[in-house]
N, C-alpha and C. Protein backbone atom coordinates (compact mmCIF):
# COMPACT_ATOMS: atom_id res chain seq x y z
N UNK A 1 46.94 -22.41 -15.75
CA UNK A 1 46.10 -21.31 -15.36
C UNK A 1 44.75 -21.60 -16.23
N UNK A 2 43.64 -21.20 -15.64
CA UNK A 2 42.27 -21.34 -16.32
C UNK A 2 42.03 -20.22 -17.20
N UNK A 3 41.68 -20.54 -18.31
CA UNK A 3 41.36 -19.43 -19.23
C UNK A 3 39.99 -18.85 -19.23
N UNK A 4 39.18 -19.56 -18.53
CA UNK A 4 37.65 -18.95 -18.19
C UNK A 4 37.99 -18.11 -16.91
N UNK A 5 37.33 -16.77 -17.22
CA UNK A 5 37.20 -16.06 -15.98
C UNK A 5 36.04 -16.31 -15.10
N UNK A 6 36.40 -16.29 -13.94
CA UNK A 6 35.32 -16.91 -12.85
C UNK A 6 34.34 -15.59 -12.60
N UNK A 7 33.15 -16.00 -12.36
CA UNK A 7 32.13 -14.69 -12.15
C UNK A 7 32.59 -14.05 -10.82
N UNK A 8 32.16 -12.92 -10.66
CA UNK A 8 32.57 -12.15 -9.50
C UNK A 8 31.56 -12.41 -8.32
N UNK A 9 31.81 -12.98 -7.39
CA UNK A 9 31.15 -13.19 -6.23
C UNK A 9 30.35 -12.10 -5.56
N UNK A 10 29.03 -12.08 -5.35
CA UNK A 10 28.40 -11.12 -4.90
C UNK A 10 28.72 -10.77 -3.41
N UNK A 11 28.45 -9.37 -2.97
CA UNK A 11 29.01 -9.09 -1.72
C UNK A 11 28.07 -9.71 -0.64
N UNK A 12 28.78 -10.28 0.46
CA UNK A 12 28.06 -10.98 1.38
C UNK A 12 27.68 -9.90 2.72
N UNK A 13 27.65 -8.68 2.37
CA UNK A 13 27.01 -7.80 3.39
C UNK A 13 25.72 -8.10 3.68
N UNK A 14 25.59 -8.09 4.98
CA UNK A 14 24.20 -8.45 5.49
C UNK A 14 23.63 -7.22 6.32
N UNK A 15 22.18 -6.81 5.96
CA UNK A 15 21.61 -5.67 6.51
C UNK A 15 20.74 -6.42 7.70
N UNK A 16 21.03 -6.12 8.91
CA UNK A 16 20.40 -7.06 10.03
C UNK A 16 19.06 -6.50 10.31
N UNK A 17 18.26 -7.58 10.77
CA UNK A 17 16.86 -7.18 11.11
C UNK A 17 16.71 -6.50 12.62
N UNK A 18 15.73 -5.65 12.62
CA UNK A 18 15.49 -5.15 13.90
C UNK A 18 14.29 -5.76 14.45
N UNK A 19 14.57 -6.56 15.54
CA UNK A 19 13.57 -7.14 16.21
C UNK A 19 12.18 -6.36 16.75
N UNK A 20 12.83 -5.44 17.22
CA UNK A 20 11.71 -4.42 17.96
C UNK A 20 10.70 -3.84 16.83
N UNK A 21 11.37 -3.63 15.72
CA UNK A 21 10.51 -3.04 14.71
C UNK A 21 9.83 -4.04 14.00
N UNK A 22 10.12 -5.54 13.96
CA UNK A 22 9.26 -6.49 13.47
C UNK A 22 7.96 -6.66 14.67
N UNK A 23 8.36 -6.66 15.90
CA UNK A 23 7.35 -6.82 16.97
C UNK A 23 6.23 -5.63 16.83
N UNK A 24 6.75 -4.56 16.72
CA UNK A 24 5.87 -3.31 16.53
C UNK A 24 4.92 -3.42 15.51
N UNK A 25 5.67 -3.93 14.30
CA UNK A 25 4.90 -3.99 13.02
C UNK A 25 3.79 -5.19 13.05
N UNK A 26 4.30 -6.20 13.73
CA UNK A 26 3.15 -7.34 13.81
C UNK A 26 2.10 -6.98 14.70
N UNK A 27 2.13 -6.07 15.68
CA UNK A 27 1.31 -5.61 16.55
C UNK A 27 0.38 -4.85 15.93
N UNK A 28 0.89 -3.87 15.06
CA UNK A 28 0.25 -2.80 14.29
C UNK A 28 -0.68 -3.57 13.26
N UNK A 29 -0.05 -4.55 12.71
CA UNK A 29 -0.78 -5.60 11.61
C UNK A 29 -1.96 -6.27 12.27
N UNK A 30 -1.74 -6.76 13.42
CA UNK A 30 -2.91 -7.19 14.37
C UNK A 30 -4.05 -6.16 14.57
N UNK A 31 -3.64 -5.07 14.97
CA UNK A 31 -4.53 -3.90 15.27
C UNK A 31 -5.35 -3.59 14.06
N UNK A 32 -4.59 -3.54 12.87
CA UNK A 32 -5.17 -3.12 11.70
C UNK A 32 -6.36 -4.20 11.28
N UNK A 33 -6.04 -5.56 11.38
CA UNK A 33 -6.84 -6.45 11.14
C UNK A 33 -8.11 -6.42 11.80
N UNK A 34 -8.00 -5.98 13.25
CA UNK A 34 -9.05 -5.95 14.21
C UNK A 34 -9.89 -4.63 13.92
N UNK A 35 -9.24 -3.82 13.58
CA UNK A 35 -10.11 -2.56 12.94
C UNK A 35 -10.95 -2.75 11.73
N UNK A 36 -10.27 -3.62 10.85
CA UNK A 36 -10.92 -3.83 9.61
C UNK A 36 -12.11 -4.76 9.88
N UNK A 37 -11.88 -5.76 10.67
CA UNK A 37 -13.00 -6.82 10.95
C UNK A 37 -14.15 -6.01 11.79
N UNK A 38 -13.98 -4.97 12.62
CA UNK A 38 -15.01 -4.08 13.19
C UNK A 38 -15.61 -3.24 12.16
N UNK A 39 -14.78 -2.69 11.17
CA UNK A 39 -15.44 -1.85 10.03
C UNK A 39 -16.24 -2.70 9.32
N UNK A 40 -16.02 -3.93 8.83
CA UNK A 40 -16.74 -4.78 8.12
C UNK A 40 -18.01 -4.93 8.67
N UNK A 41 -18.00 -5.26 10.08
CA UNK A 41 -19.17 -5.69 10.74
C UNK A 41 -20.04 -4.33 10.75
N UNK A 42 -19.61 -3.18 10.94
CA UNK A 42 -20.39 -2.01 10.98
C UNK A 42 -20.86 -1.67 9.60
N UNK A 43 -19.95 -2.05 8.49
CA UNK A 43 -20.35 -1.98 7.14
C UNK A 43 -21.63 -2.85 6.80
N UNK A 44 -21.43 -4.09 7.41
CA UNK A 44 -22.82 -5.01 7.03
C UNK A 44 -24.11 -4.35 7.99
N UNK A 45 -23.82 -3.78 9.13
CA UNK A 45 -24.91 -3.16 9.86
C UNK A 45 -25.60 -1.97 8.81
N UNK A 46 -24.64 -1.18 8.62
CA UNK A 46 -25.19 -0.03 7.67
C UNK A 46 -25.74 -0.46 6.58
N UNK A 47 -25.42 -1.47 5.71
CA UNK A 47 -25.96 -1.89 4.59
C UNK A 47 -27.23 -2.57 4.81
N UNK A 48 -27.48 -3.10 5.99
CA UNK A 48 -28.98 -3.76 6.25
C UNK A 48 -29.91 -2.45 6.58
N UNK A 49 -29.23 -1.64 7.37
CA UNK A 49 -30.01 -0.31 7.45
C UNK A 49 -30.35 0.34 6.07
N UNK A 50 -29.49 0.35 5.10
CA UNK A 50 -29.80 0.94 3.78
C UNK A 50 -31.07 0.17 3.17
N UNK A 51 -30.69 -1.25 3.27
CA UNK A 51 -31.62 -2.15 2.51
C UNK A 51 -33.09 -1.66 3.05
N UNK A 52 -33.05 -1.73 4.46
CA UNK A 52 -34.58 -1.58 5.03
C UNK A 52 -35.10 -0.05 4.49
N UNK A 53 -34.10 0.98 4.43
CA UNK A 53 -34.69 2.23 4.15
C UNK A 53 -34.89 2.22 2.70
N UNK A 54 -34.05 1.71 1.78
CA UNK A 54 -34.30 1.69 0.36
C UNK A 54 -35.73 1.03 0.00
N UNK A 55 -36.01 -0.09 0.69
CA UNK A 55 -37.08 -0.87 0.51
C UNK A 55 -38.74 0.09 0.78
N UNK A 56 -38.42 0.94 1.61
CA UNK A 56 -39.51 1.69 2.24
C UNK A 56 -39.37 3.17 1.92
N UNK A 57 -38.60 3.44 0.81
CA UNK A 57 -38.43 4.98 0.50
C UNK A 57 -38.77 5.29 -1.06
N UNK A 58 -38.58 6.55 -1.28
CA UNK A 58 -38.87 6.85 -2.69
C UNK A 58 -37.61 6.41 -3.42
N UNK A 59 -37.69 6.36 -4.79
CA UNK A 59 -36.48 6.21 -5.67
C UNK A 59 -35.43 6.95 -5.40
N UNK A 60 -35.57 8.27 -5.30
CA UNK A 60 -34.53 9.22 -5.15
C UNK A 60 -33.72 9.06 -4.06
N UNK A 61 -34.35 8.72 -2.87
CA UNK A 61 -33.86 8.36 -1.56
C UNK A 61 -32.92 7.08 -1.80
N UNK A 62 -33.35 6.33 -2.33
CA UNK A 62 -32.52 5.07 -2.62
C UNK A 62 -31.30 5.33 -3.51
N UNK A 63 -31.45 6.07 -4.51
CA UNK A 63 -30.36 6.62 -5.18
C UNK A 63 -29.16 7.22 -4.55
N UNK A 64 -29.75 8.09 -3.46
CA UNK A 64 -28.59 8.70 -2.56
C UNK A 64 -28.07 7.82 -1.77
N UNK A 65 -28.61 6.88 -1.21
CA UNK A 65 -27.82 5.83 -0.28
C UNK A 65 -27.00 5.10 -1.10
N UNK A 66 -27.38 4.54 -2.48
CA UNK A 66 -26.58 3.87 -3.30
C UNK A 66 -25.23 4.73 -3.63
N UNK A 67 -25.39 5.86 -4.03
CA UNK A 67 -24.50 6.73 -4.16
C UNK A 67 -23.30 6.84 -3.06
N UNK A 68 -23.90 7.00 -1.88
CA UNK A 68 -23.10 7.21 -0.79
C UNK A 68 -22.17 5.73 -0.54
N UNK A 69 -22.97 4.67 -0.67
CA UNK A 69 -22.17 3.18 -0.48
C UNK A 69 -21.12 3.28 -1.56
N UNK A 70 -21.20 3.36 -2.80
CA UNK A 70 -20.31 3.24 -3.77
C UNK A 70 -19.16 4.29 -3.46
N UNK A 71 -19.40 5.44 -3.05
CA UNK A 71 -18.43 6.60 -3.16
C UNK A 71 -17.56 6.04 -1.83
N UNK A 72 -18.33 5.62 -0.73
CA UNK A 72 -17.47 5.26 0.45
C UNK A 72 -16.59 3.94 0.09
N UNK A 73 -17.06 2.94 -0.69
CA UNK A 73 -16.21 1.82 -1.01
C UNK A 73 -15.12 2.17 -1.80
N UNK A 74 -15.27 3.14 -2.65
CA UNK A 74 -14.05 3.64 -3.61
C UNK A 74 -13.15 4.54 -2.78
N UNK A 75 -13.36 5.40 -1.82
CA UNK A 75 -12.51 6.04 -1.08
C UNK A 75 -12.07 5.28 0.08
N UNK A 76 -12.36 4.25 0.45
CA UNK A 76 -11.75 3.58 1.67
C UNK A 76 -10.28 3.09 1.36
N UNK A 77 -9.83 2.63 0.32
CA UNK A 77 -8.52 2.29 0.17
C UNK A 77 -7.63 3.70 -0.20
N UNK A 78 -7.99 4.66 -0.31
CA UNK A 78 -7.24 5.83 -0.90
C UNK A 78 -6.09 6.19 0.00
N UNK A 79 -6.47 6.51 1.37
CA UNK A 79 -5.29 6.80 2.25
C UNK A 79 -4.02 5.72 2.32
N UNK A 80 -4.62 4.54 2.68
CA UNK A 80 -3.62 3.50 2.46
C UNK A 80 -2.66 3.47 1.24
N UNK A 81 -3.43 3.45 0.05
CA UNK A 81 -2.56 3.39 -1.14
C UNK A 81 -1.73 4.56 -1.16
N UNK A 82 -2.07 5.74 -0.89
CA UNK A 82 -1.22 6.90 -0.91
C UNK A 82 -0.04 6.74 0.10
N UNK A 83 -0.40 6.38 1.23
CA UNK A 83 0.73 6.28 2.32
C UNK A 83 1.60 5.04 1.84
N UNK A 84 1.25 4.05 1.22
CA UNK A 84 2.28 3.04 1.01
C UNK A 84 2.95 3.43 -0.25
N UNK A 85 2.22 4.20 -1.41
CA UNK A 85 3.09 4.72 -2.44
C UNK A 85 4.20 5.71 -1.99
N UNK A 86 3.90 6.46 -0.94
CA UNK A 86 4.75 7.35 -0.62
C UNK A 86 6.12 6.89 0.15
N UNK A 87 5.61 5.76 0.98
CA UNK A 87 6.76 4.99 1.55
C UNK A 87 7.57 4.27 0.60
N UNK A 88 7.04 3.65 -0.52
CA UNK A 88 8.05 2.98 -1.52
C UNK A 88 8.84 3.95 -2.50
N UNK A 89 8.17 5.17 -2.52
CA UNK A 89 8.80 6.19 -3.31
C UNK A 89 10.25 6.82 -2.32
N UNK A 90 9.95 6.87 -1.20
CA UNK A 90 11.01 7.48 -0.21
C UNK A 90 11.91 6.14 -0.18
N UNK A 91 11.64 5.01 -0.12
CA UNK A 91 12.66 3.83 -0.28
C UNK A 91 13.41 3.80 -1.30
N UNK A 92 12.70 3.94 -2.32
CA UNK A 92 13.53 3.95 -3.74
C UNK A 92 14.39 5.16 -3.84
N UNK A 93 14.06 6.29 -3.45
CA UNK A 93 14.87 7.37 -3.59
C UNK A 93 16.08 7.32 -2.68
N UNK A 94 15.94 6.84 -1.36
CA UNK A 94 17.06 6.58 -0.42
C UNK A 94 18.02 5.52 -0.85
N UNK A 95 17.46 4.56 -1.51
CA UNK A 95 18.44 3.22 -2.09
C UNK A 95 19.15 3.84 -3.19
N UNK A 96 18.61 4.56 -3.89
CA UNK A 96 19.23 5.11 -5.21
C UNK A 96 20.41 6.15 -4.75
N UNK A 97 19.96 7.01 -3.83
CA UNK A 97 21.22 7.93 -3.39
C UNK A 97 22.11 7.28 -2.71
N UNK A 98 21.90 6.25 -1.75
CA UNK A 98 23.09 5.47 -1.17
C UNK A 98 23.83 4.31 -2.05
N UNK A 99 23.09 4.13 -3.10
CA UNK A 99 23.73 3.20 -4.11
C UNK A 99 23.65 1.68 -3.39
N UNK A 100 22.70 1.55 -2.61
CA UNK A 100 22.62 0.22 -1.98
C UNK A 100 21.09 -0.10 -1.61
N UNK A 101 20.74 -1.52 -1.66
CA UNK A 101 19.30 -1.79 -1.28
C UNK A 101 19.38 -2.82 -0.22
N UNK A 102 18.82 -2.79 0.89
CA UNK A 102 18.08 -1.47 1.45
C UNK A 102 18.99 -0.56 1.97
N UNK A 103 18.49 0.70 1.99
CA UNK A 103 19.20 1.85 2.73
C UNK A 103 19.73 1.46 3.88
N UNK A 104 20.75 2.12 4.46
CA UNK A 104 21.47 1.96 5.72
C UNK A 104 20.45 2.23 6.89
N UNK A 105 19.60 3.11 6.86
CA UNK A 105 18.74 3.64 7.96
C UNK A 105 17.34 2.99 7.90
N UNK A 106 17.11 2.29 6.87
CA UNK A 106 15.76 1.35 6.89
C UNK A 106 15.83 0.23 7.76
N UNK A 107 14.72 -0.05 8.50
CA UNK A 107 14.59 -1.23 9.04
C UNK A 107 13.94 -2.43 8.36
N UNK A 108 14.30 -3.59 8.55
CA UNK A 108 13.78 -4.71 7.81
C UNK A 108 13.36 -5.89 8.91
N UNK A 109 12.43 -6.67 8.45
CA UNK A 109 11.95 -7.79 9.50
C UNK A 109 12.79 -8.82 9.63
N UNK A 110 13.64 -9.12 8.51
CA UNK A 110 14.89 -10.23 8.73
C UNK A 110 16.07 -9.79 8.03
N UNK A 111 17.12 -10.50 8.33
CA UNK A 111 18.39 -10.20 7.83
C UNK A 111 18.33 -10.44 6.19
N UNK A 112 18.87 -9.45 5.51
CA UNK A 112 18.80 -9.40 4.12
C UNK A 112 20.19 -9.19 3.38
N UNK A 113 20.65 -9.69 2.44
CA UNK A 113 21.78 -9.40 1.61
C UNK A 113 21.53 -7.99 1.20
N UNK A 114 22.59 -7.19 1.21
CA UNK A 114 22.60 -5.86 0.75
C UNK A 114 23.02 -5.92 -0.87
N UNK A 115 22.24 -5.28 -1.55
CA UNK A 115 22.37 -5.34 -3.03
C UNK A 115 23.19 -4.03 -3.37
N UNK A 116 24.06 -4.10 -4.34
CA UNK A 116 24.74 -2.91 -4.75
C UNK A 116 24.80 -2.84 -6.08
N UNK A 117 25.23 -1.61 -6.71
CA UNK A 117 25.39 -1.20 -8.14
C UNK A 117 24.11 -1.57 -8.94
N UNK A 118 24.31 -2.34 -9.92
CA UNK A 118 23.01 -2.41 -10.91
C UNK A 118 21.79 -2.99 -10.24
N UNK A 119 22.08 -4.11 -9.26
CA UNK A 119 20.70 -4.71 -8.68
C UNK A 119 20.17 -3.68 -7.75
N UNK A 120 21.12 -2.89 -6.84
CA UNK A 120 20.42 -1.77 -6.08
C UNK A 120 19.76 -0.74 -6.93
N UNK A 121 20.30 -0.48 -8.10
CA UNK A 121 19.55 0.63 -8.93
C UNK A 121 18.30 0.09 -9.35
N UNK A 122 18.32 -1.10 -9.81
CA UNK A 122 17.05 -1.90 -10.20
C UNK A 122 16.08 -1.89 -9.33
N UNK A 123 16.38 -2.29 -8.02
CA UNK A 123 15.28 -2.67 -6.94
C UNK A 123 14.95 -0.96 -6.61
N UNK A 124 15.83 -0.11 -6.42
CA UNK A 124 15.30 1.37 -6.29
C UNK A 124 14.28 1.80 -7.40
N UNK A 125 14.64 1.63 -8.49
CA UNK A 125 13.68 2.24 -9.71
C UNK A 125 12.42 1.25 -9.46
N UNK A 126 12.39 0.03 -9.19
CA UNK A 126 11.19 -0.80 -8.99
C UNK A 126 10.39 -0.28 -7.95
N UNK A 127 11.00 0.16 -6.88
CA UNK A 127 10.19 0.63 -5.62
C UNK A 127 9.67 1.89 -5.97
N UNK A 128 10.31 2.93 -6.74
CA UNK A 128 9.84 4.11 -7.13
C UNK A 128 8.65 4.01 -8.01
N UNK A 129 8.65 3.18 -8.91
CA UNK A 129 7.71 2.90 -9.98
C UNK A 129 6.50 2.38 -9.38
N UNK A 130 6.56 1.27 -8.33
CA UNK A 130 5.52 0.83 -7.70
C UNK A 130 4.78 1.92 -6.85
N UNK A 131 5.64 2.74 -6.21
CA UNK A 131 5.18 3.82 -5.40
C UNK A 131 4.23 4.79 -6.15
N UNK A 132 4.69 5.09 -7.35
CA UNK A 132 4.00 5.84 -8.30
C UNK A 132 2.72 5.36 -8.59
N UNK A 133 2.78 4.14 -8.90
CA UNK A 133 1.43 3.33 -9.29
C UNK A 133 0.39 3.28 -8.33
N UNK A 134 0.92 3.18 -7.10
CA UNK A 134 -0.12 3.12 -5.72
C UNK A 134 -0.55 4.44 -5.70
N UNK A 135 0.13 5.47 -5.75
CA UNK A 135 -0.40 6.86 -5.74
C UNK A 135 -1.34 7.16 -6.81
N UNK A 136 -0.92 6.81 -8.07
CA UNK A 136 -1.82 7.11 -9.10
C UNK A 136 -3.33 6.53 -8.94
N UNK A 137 -3.01 4.97 -8.51
CA UNK A 137 -4.44 4.21 -8.19
C UNK A 137 -5.10 4.92 -7.14
N UNK A 138 -4.53 5.68 -6.10
CA UNK A 138 -5.42 6.40 -5.21
C UNK A 138 -6.04 7.56 -5.78
N UNK A 139 -5.35 8.34 -6.60
CA UNK A 139 -6.07 9.43 -7.33
C UNK A 139 -7.10 9.00 -8.29
N UNK A 140 -6.91 8.03 -8.87
CA UNK A 140 -7.87 7.35 -9.77
C UNK A 140 -9.20 6.86 -8.93
N UNK A 141 -8.98 6.32 -7.88
CA UNK A 141 -10.09 6.00 -6.87
C UNK A 141 -10.86 7.31 -6.61
N UNK A 142 -10.29 8.41 -6.30
CA UNK A 142 -10.83 9.71 -5.89
C UNK A 142 -11.70 10.09 -7.17
N UNK A 143 -11.23 10.07 -8.06
CA UNK A 143 -11.87 10.53 -9.42
C UNK A 143 -12.99 9.80 -9.73
N UNK A 144 -12.84 8.30 -9.60
CA UNK A 144 -14.04 7.72 -9.69
C UNK A 144 -15.23 7.80 -8.73
N UNK A 145 -14.68 8.12 -7.47
CA UNK A 145 -15.76 8.37 -6.41
C UNK A 145 -16.57 9.74 -6.86
N UNK A 146 -15.64 10.72 -7.26
CA UNK A 146 -16.26 12.00 -7.56
C UNK A 146 -17.33 11.76 -8.84
N UNK A 147 -16.70 11.01 -9.68
CA UNK A 147 -17.62 10.83 -10.96
C UNK A 147 -18.91 10.04 -10.48
N UNK A 148 -18.78 9.11 -9.61
CA UNK A 148 -20.02 8.38 -9.33
C UNK A 148 -20.78 9.18 -8.50
N UNK A 149 -20.26 10.04 -7.69
CA UNK A 149 -21.27 10.98 -6.72
C UNK A 149 -21.93 11.98 -7.63
N UNK A 150 -21.33 12.46 -8.76
CA UNK A 150 -21.76 13.43 -9.67
C UNK A 150 -22.99 12.66 -10.55
N UNK A 151 -22.75 11.48 -10.89
CA UNK A 151 -23.50 10.78 -11.66
C UNK A 151 -24.84 10.34 -10.99
N UNK A 152 -24.70 9.88 -9.90
CA UNK A 152 -25.86 9.41 -9.01
C UNK A 152 -26.67 10.37 -8.09
N UNK A 153 -25.99 11.60 -8.02
CA UNK A 153 -26.63 12.54 -7.17
C UNK A 153 -27.67 13.36 -7.96
C-alpha cells in the first residue's frame, strides 16, 4: 500500500452554457459598439462646435463649455460601472449562498467547471469585492464631475 495520500480529485460537475444567452449577449455587445461609435462621432462634432464657439467668444463662455465637456466625460461611464458592480455583487452573493460558482441559475457563455467549497467562496468574495470597487469608482466619478463643475463654473 502507498504511504503517500493521493490528492483529492476536483469535482467534474459542469455548468452548461446557454447558447441563446450567448447569441443575445453578442448582439447586445454589437449594438453597444455601434451606439458608442455613433456617440463618439457626435462627440467629435460637438467638440468641433465647441472649438469654433470658444475661439469666437468671451473667456467666461469658453470656461463654461470646457466645464460641460469635462463633466460629460466624467459622467459617461457612471451608469455602466454602477450596473456592472451591481451584477458582480449579485453574482458573488448568489454563489456564496449556494456554495458553488457559478450559481445554478446564472447563465454562462461556455461550459465551465463548477467550483465548490473554498474555491467557490474565494470566487464569490472576489466578485463581490470587484463589484464594490466598480460601484465606488462610479461614485468617485460623480464626485469628480461635481467638483469640476463647481470649480469651473
